[in-house]
Amino acid sequence: MTPIVLVTDQIRGIYADDLELHSAFAARGVEATFVPWDAPVDWARFKAAVIRTPWDYHERFAEFSAWLDRLDAAGVPLWNPSSLIRWNARKTYLLELASEGFPVIPTAQVSDDGLARHVERWREIVVKPEVGGGGAWTFRANEGSFRAVEAELAQAGDRKFLVQPFDPAVTRGEWSLVYFDGVFSHAVFKVARSGEFRIHEEHGGRILPAEADAGLRSVADRFATARGILPYARVDLLGEGASARLVELELIEPELFFRFSAGAPTRYADALVARLDMGTRTP
């Protein structure tokens, strides 16, 4: 069987939602092995590497970037490809997509002059790291609290931050639409707990099965193919229908919510095995 590696991390290991992938790949003649990205293995022995759940990459970004370099040097195809992962790892990609006319929540970089001008402009803001995940180092602030947030940012070392207006839609919930090979697969709706604006499960959020309407799909379709037809992508949106705007375009290690769509592991495996059969990297 053709061996591929599904990349995880040392702390969390194999995520329960991904357990079905073994059989999905095996049914297609592919041996899928879960290995942490920082494990001392010979990566060149794999036909390809698929990033699944290295959910600590943003905490050790320099090491993770060096690992990407080693895979490139060894000629191991990586999905999504390393160039795209490097682009997507820094949330400044939101500025780039906005400049291309995509509907993105307004985003600015936090400079040395702090948050005052952003609070003056937007009244209430969300501050998040350029490289981050899971809602860590993410703050909500207004005129009365932004100085306290600035004090927190001063303890953040060499981290850089972005700022966005706080969108009240987040208190209702956030959409995640999952795509394989540029084709919509399924959607979920994520809801924050009372009093919290972060929708992540580690902050008390809930994930619900959902049906995305045609308007919402039309927005997500554009983002899912904004950088080509990819084996996997997750588009996170705020708002409803065709007026929804992008929160995040998740192209590195998104949770794909397989448990909410019975056929999703099969569709995911099909997208990746097709690329193995082509013997090429994703363009």
Protein backbone atom coordinates (compact mmCIF):
# COMPACT_ATOMS: atom_id res chain seq x y z
CA MET A 1 0.00 0.00 0.00
CA THR A 2 1.12 3.56 -0.68
CA PRO A 3 2.20 5.20 2.60
CA ILE A 4 1.16 8.74 3.49
CA VAL A 5 1.51 10.52 6.81
CA LEU A 6 -1.27 12.43 8.55
CA VAL A 7 0.48 15.09 10.60
CA THR A 8 -0.57 15.65 14.22
CA ASP A 9 1.17 17.01 17.32
CA GLN A 10 2.78 15.37 20.34
CA ILE A 11 0.33 16.71 22.92
CA ARG A 12 -3.07 15.85 21.46
CA GLY A 13 -2.11 12.96 19.21
CA ILE A 14 -4.86 11.58 16.98
CA TYR A 15 -8.04 13.63 17.16
CA ALA A 16 -11.10 11.39 17.62
CA ASP A 17 -12.84 12.99 14.64
CA ASP A 18 -10.06 11.69 12.35
CA LEU A 19 -10.19 8.01 13.34
CA GLU A 20 -12.30 7.09 10.32
CA LEU A 21 -9.56 8.27 7.99
CA HIS A 22 -7.61 5.03 8.44
CA SER A 23 -10.35 2.96 6.83
CA ALA A 24 -11.21 5.63 4.24
CA PHE A 25 -7.65 5.63 2.94
CA ALA A 26 -7.21 1.86 3.27
CA ALA A 27 -10.27 1.30 1.07
CA ARG A 28 -8.39 3.25 -1.61
CA GLY A 29 -5.17 1.29 -1.27
CA VAL A 30 -3.39 3.91 0.83
CA GLU A 31 -1.75 3.29 4.20
CA ALA A 32 -2.28 6.35 6.38
CA THR A 33 -0.09 6.79 9.45
CA PHE A 34 -0.54 9.49 12.11
CA VAL A 35 2.78 11.10 13.12
CA PRO A 36 3.49 14.29 15.13
CA TRP A 37 5.20 16.97 13.05
CA ASP A 38 8.16 17.17 15.43
CA ALA A 39 8.73 13.41 15.67
CA PRO A 40 12.25 12.16 14.78
CA VAL A 41 11.25 10.19 11.67
CA ASP A 42 12.52 9.94 8.11
CA TRP A 43 9.86 11.99 6.36
CA ALA A 44 11.27 11.13 2.94
CA ARG A 45 9.94 7.57 3.27
CA PHE A 46 6.37 8.83 2.86
CA LYS A 47 4.73 9.33 -0.52
CA ALA A 48 3.12 12.52 0.81
CA ALA A 49 2.36 14.39 4.03
CA VAL A 50 -1.09 15.67 4.89
CA ILE A 51 -1.43 18.26 7.63
CA ARG A 52 -4.23 17.32 9.99
CA THR A 53 -3.93 18.48 13.60
CA PRO A 54 -0.55 20.03 14.49
CA TRP A 55 -2.48 22.38 16.73
CA ASP A 56 0.61 23.65 18.53
CA TYR A 57 2.28 24.98 15.36
CA HIS A 58 1.52 28.62 16.17
CA GLU A 59 3.17 28.27 19.59
CA ARG A 60 6.40 27.03 17.99
CA PHE A 61 6.18 28.73 14.63
CA ALA A 62 9.92 29.03 13.95
CA GLU A 63 10.35 25.28 14.54
CA PHE A 64 7.31 24.48 12.45
CA SER A 65 8.60 26.65 9.59
CA ALA A 66 11.94 24.82 9.75
CA TRP A 67 10.04 21.52 9.52
CA LEU A 68 8.31 22.77 6.38
CA ASP A 69 11.74 23.61 4.97
CA ARG A 70 12.95 20.06 5.66
CA LEU A 71 9.97 18.53 3.88
CA ASP A 72 10.57 20.78 0.89
CA ALA A 73 14.26 19.83 0.83
CA ALA A 74 13.36 16.12 0.98
CA GLY A 75 10.91 16.52 -1.90
CA VAL A 76 7.92 15.28 0.12
CA PRO A 77 4.65 16.60 -1.35
CA LEU A 78 2.66 18.40 1.33
CA TRP A 79 -1.08 19.11 1.29
CA ASN A 80 -1.98 21.82 1.45
CA PRO A 81 1.36 22.88 -0.09
CA SER A 82 4.03 24.54 2.04
CA SER A 83 3.92 27.84 0.15
CA LEU A 84 0.22 28.15 0.89
CA ILE A 85 0.68 27.12 4.52
CA ARG A 86 3.28 29.86 5.01
CA TRP A 87 0.90 32.39 3.44
CA ASN A 88 -2.08 31.28 5.50
CA ALA A 89 -0.16 31.09 8.80
CA ARG A 90 0.03 34.87 9.03
CA LYS A 91 -3.40 36.44 9.28
CA THR A 92 -2.15 39.37 7.23
CA TYR A 93 -3.52 37.28 4.36
CA LEU A 94 -6.86 38.89 5.34
CA LEU A 95 -5.49 42.26 4.22
CA GLU A 96 -4.39 40.74 0.93
CA LEU A 97 -7.77 39.15 0.25
CA ALA A 98 -9.55 42.40 1.13
CA SER A 99 -7.32 44.28 -1.34
CA GLU A 100 -8.45 41.80 -4.00
CA GLY A 101 -12.10 42.68 -3.42
CA PHE A 102 -13.14 39.76 -1.23
CA PRO A 103 -15.68 40.47 1.55
CA VAL A 104 -13.46 40.36 4.62
CA ILE A 105 -14.11 41.83 8.06
CA PRO A 106 -12.06 45.08 8.12
CA THR A 107 -8.58 44.36 9.43
CA ALA A 108 -5.58 46.50 10.35
CA GLN A 109 -2.17 45.85 11.83
CA VAL A 110 -1.43 47.04 15.36
CA SER A 111 1.53 49.40 15.23
CA ASP A 112 3.68 50.98 17.92
CA ASP A 113 1.14 53.77 18.51
CA GLY A 114 -1.26 51.26 20.13
CA LEU A 115 -5.01 50.83 19.97
CA ALA A 116 -6.44 54.30 20.61
CA ARG A 117 -6.99 55.24 16.98
CA HIS A 118 -8.67 51.88 16.29
CA VAL A 119 -11.04 52.34 19.23
CA GLU A 120 -11.79 55.86 18.01
CA ARG A 121 -12.57 54.49 14.56
CA TRP A 122 -14.55 51.36 15.49
CA ARG A 123 -15.62 51.97 19.13
CA GLU A 124 -15.29 48.29 20.01
CA ILE A 125 -12.52 46.09 18.69
CA VAL A 126 -11.08 42.58 18.65
CA VAL A 127 -7.31 42.17 18.84
CA LYS A 128 -5.76 38.89 17.69
CA PRO A 129 -2.24 37.63 16.95
CA GLU A 130 -0.93 37.54 13.38
CA VAL A 131 0.09 33.93 14.01
CA GLY A 132 -2.23 32.17 16.41
CA GLY A 133 -5.06 29.75 16.97
CA GLY A 134 -7.68 28.55 19.40
CA GLY A 135 -8.55 32.07 20.53
CA ALA A 136 -5.26 32.46 22.42
CA TRP A 137 -4.00 36.04 22.85
CA THR A 138 -7.33 37.33 21.52
CA PHE A 139 -9.00 40.27 23.25
CA ARG A 140 -12.14 42.38 23.02
CA ALA A 141 -11.73 46.05 23.95
CA ASN A 142 -13.47 49.42 23.96
CA GLU A 143 -12.71 52.94 25.17
CA GLY A 144 -12.76 51.84 28.78
CA SER A 145 -10.63 48.71 28.45
CA PHE A 146 -8.17 49.14 25.61
CA ARG A 147 -5.36 50.35 27.89
CA ALA A 148 -5.57 47.10 29.84
CA VAL A 149 -5.37 45.17 26.58
CA GLU A 150 -2.31 47.20 25.56
CA ALA A 151 -0.70 46.12 28.84
CA GLU A 152 -1.42 42.49 27.93
CA LEU A 153 0.10 42.98 24.47
CA ALA A 154 3.23 44.41 26.08
CA GLN A 155 3.76 40.98 27.67
CA ALA A 156 3.46 39.16 24.35
CA GLY A 157 7.15 39.17 23.43
CA ASP A 158 7.76 39.37 19.71
CA ARG A 159 4.18 38.53 18.73
CA LYS A 160 2.53 40.89 16.25
CA PHE A 161 -1.17 41.67 16.34
CA LEU A 162 -4.09 42.58 14.11
CA VAL A 163 -7.19 44.53 15.04
CA GLN A 164 -10.74 44.33 13.71
CA PRO A 165 -14.05 45.98 14.61
CA PHE A 166 -16.12 43.86 16.97
CA ASP A 167 -19.00 42.45 14.93
CA PRO A 168 -22.14 41.84 17.03
CA ALA A 169 -22.97 38.96 14.68
CA VAL A 170 -20.40 36.88 16.59
CA THR A 171 -22.74 36.81 19.59
CA ARG A 172 -25.24 34.92 17.39
CA GLY A 173 -22.66 32.51 16.00
CA GLU A 174 -20.11 31.79 13.29
CA TRP A 175 -20.41 29.57 10.22
CA SER A 176 -17.79 27.05 9.09
CA LEU A 177 -18.15 25.67 5.57
CA VAL A 178 -15.89 22.76 4.57
CA TYR A 179 -14.66 22.14 1.02
CA PHE A 180 -12.82 19.26 -0.64
CA ASP A 181 -11.37 19.80 -4.12
CA GLY A 182 -13.11 23.16 -4.24
CA VAL A 183 -16.53 21.51 -3.80
CA PHE A 184 -18.73 22.22 -0.78
CA SER A 185 -18.99 19.25 1.58
CA HIS A 186 -20.83 20.31 4.75
CA ALA A 187 -21.30 23.11 7.26
CA VAL A 188 -21.53 23.67 10.99
CA PHE A 189 -22.58 26.62 13.14
CA LYS A 190 -20.44 27.55 16.15
CA VAL A 191 -21.96 29.36 19.10
CA ALA A 192 -20.10 31.07 21.95
CA ARG A 193 -21.14 30.52 25.55
CA SER A 194 -22.96 33.32 27.31
CA GLY A 195 -20.69 36.28 28.04
CA GLU A 196 -17.92 35.07 25.70
CA PHE A 197 -17.17 36.23 22.16
CA ARG A 198 -14.77 33.41 21.24
CA ILE A 199 -16.61 30.46 19.71
CA HIS A 200 -13.89 27.85 20.30
CA GLU A 201 -14.79 24.75 22.31
CA GLU A 202 -11.87 25.39 24.66
CA HIS A 203 -13.61 28.65 25.60
CA GLY A 204 -17.00 27.00 26.15
CA GLY A 205 -18.33 27.25 22.59
CA ARG A 206 -20.71 24.72 21.03
CA ILE A 207 -20.68 23.23 17.54
CA LEU A 208 -24.00 22.48 15.86
CA PRO A 209 -24.88 20.79 12.55
CA ALA A 210 -26.20 23.33 10.08
CA GLU A 211 -27.45 23.84 6.55
CA ALA A 212 -25.79 26.68 4.64
CA ASP A 213 -28.15 28.51 2.30
CA ALA A 214 -27.35 29.46 -1.29
CA GLY A 215 -26.32 33.01 -0.39
CA LEU A 216 -23.86 31.87 2.25
CA ARG A 217 -22.50 29.22 -0.09
CA SER A 218 -21.95 31.79 -2.82
CA VAL A 219 -19.68 33.79 -0.49
CA ALA A 220 -17.82 30.74 0.80
CA ASP A 221 -17.34 29.30 -2.71
CA ARG A 222 -15.27 32.33 -3.68
CA PHE A 223 -12.96 32.00 -0.71
CA ALA A 224 -12.59 28.23 -0.98
CA THR A 225 -11.06 28.62 -4.45
CA ALA A 226 -9.32 31.98 -3.91
CA ARG A 227 -5.91 30.27 -4.08
CA GLY A 228 -6.75 27.46 -6.49
CA ILE A 229 -8.54 24.14 -6.24
CA LEU A 230 -7.24 22.68 -2.99
CA PRO A 231 -7.76 19.24 -1.46
CA TYR A 232 -9.26 20.86 1.63
CA ALA A 233 -10.32 24.27 2.89
CA ARG A 234 -12.56 25.64 5.61
CA VAL A 235 -14.24 29.01 5.28
CA ASP A 236 -15.35 30.72 8.51
CA LEU A 237 -17.96 33.44 8.04
CA LEU A 238 -19.95 35.91 10.12
CA GLY A 239 -23.37 37.11 9.06
CA GLU A 240 -26.12 35.64 6.97
CA GLY A 241 -26.60 34.81 3.31
CA ALA A 242 -24.80 36.75 0.61
CA SER A 243 -23.90 39.55 3.05
CA ALA A 244 -21.64 37.30 5.17
CA ARG A 245 -17.97 38.26 5.59
CA LEU A 246 -14.83 36.25 6.15
CA VAL A 247 -13.47 35.70 9.65
CA GLU A 248 -10.78 33.15 8.70
CA LEU A 249 -9.80 31.12 5.66
CA GLU A 250 -8.47 27.92 7.24
CA LEU A 251 -6.01 26.17 4.91
CA ILE A 252 -3.49 24.68 7.35
CA GLU A 253 -4.94 22.45 10.07
CA PRO A 254 -8.66 23.13 10.33
CA GLU A 255 -10.95 20.91 12.29
CA LEU A 256 -13.07 19.43 9.51
CA PHE A 257 -16.04 18.31 11.64
CA PHE A 258 -16.24 14.84 10.10
CA ARG A 259 -18.68 13.76 12.82
CA PHE A 260 -21.32 16.07 11.36
CA SER A 261 -21.26 14.56 7.85
CA ALA A 262 -21.19 10.80 7.35
CA GLY A 263 -19.58 10.96 3.90
CA ALA A 264 -16.98 13.61 4.70
CA PRO A 265 -14.01 11.28 5.45
CA THR A 266 -14.61 9.54 2.12
CA ARG A 267 -14.74 12.81 0.19
CA TYR A 268 -11.59 13.98 1.94
CA ALA A 269 -9.73 10.75 1.14
CA ASP A 270 -10.86 10.92 -2.48
CA ALA A 271 -9.45 14.43 -2.86
CA LEU A 272 -6.05 13.39 -1.53
CA VAL A 273 -5.78 10.00 -3.25
CA ALA A 274 -6.49 11.70 -6.57
CA ARG A 275 -3.40 13.84 -6.01
CA LEU A 276 -1.34 10.79 -5.09
CA ASP A 277 -2.41 9.19 -8.34
CA MET A 278 -1.35 12.31 -10.24
CA GLY A 279 2.01 12.21 -8.48
CA THR A 280 2.23 15.98 -8.25
CA ARG A 281 1.94 18.73 -5.70
CA THR A 282 -1.19 20.82 -5.52
CA PRO A 283 -0.66 23.75 -7.91
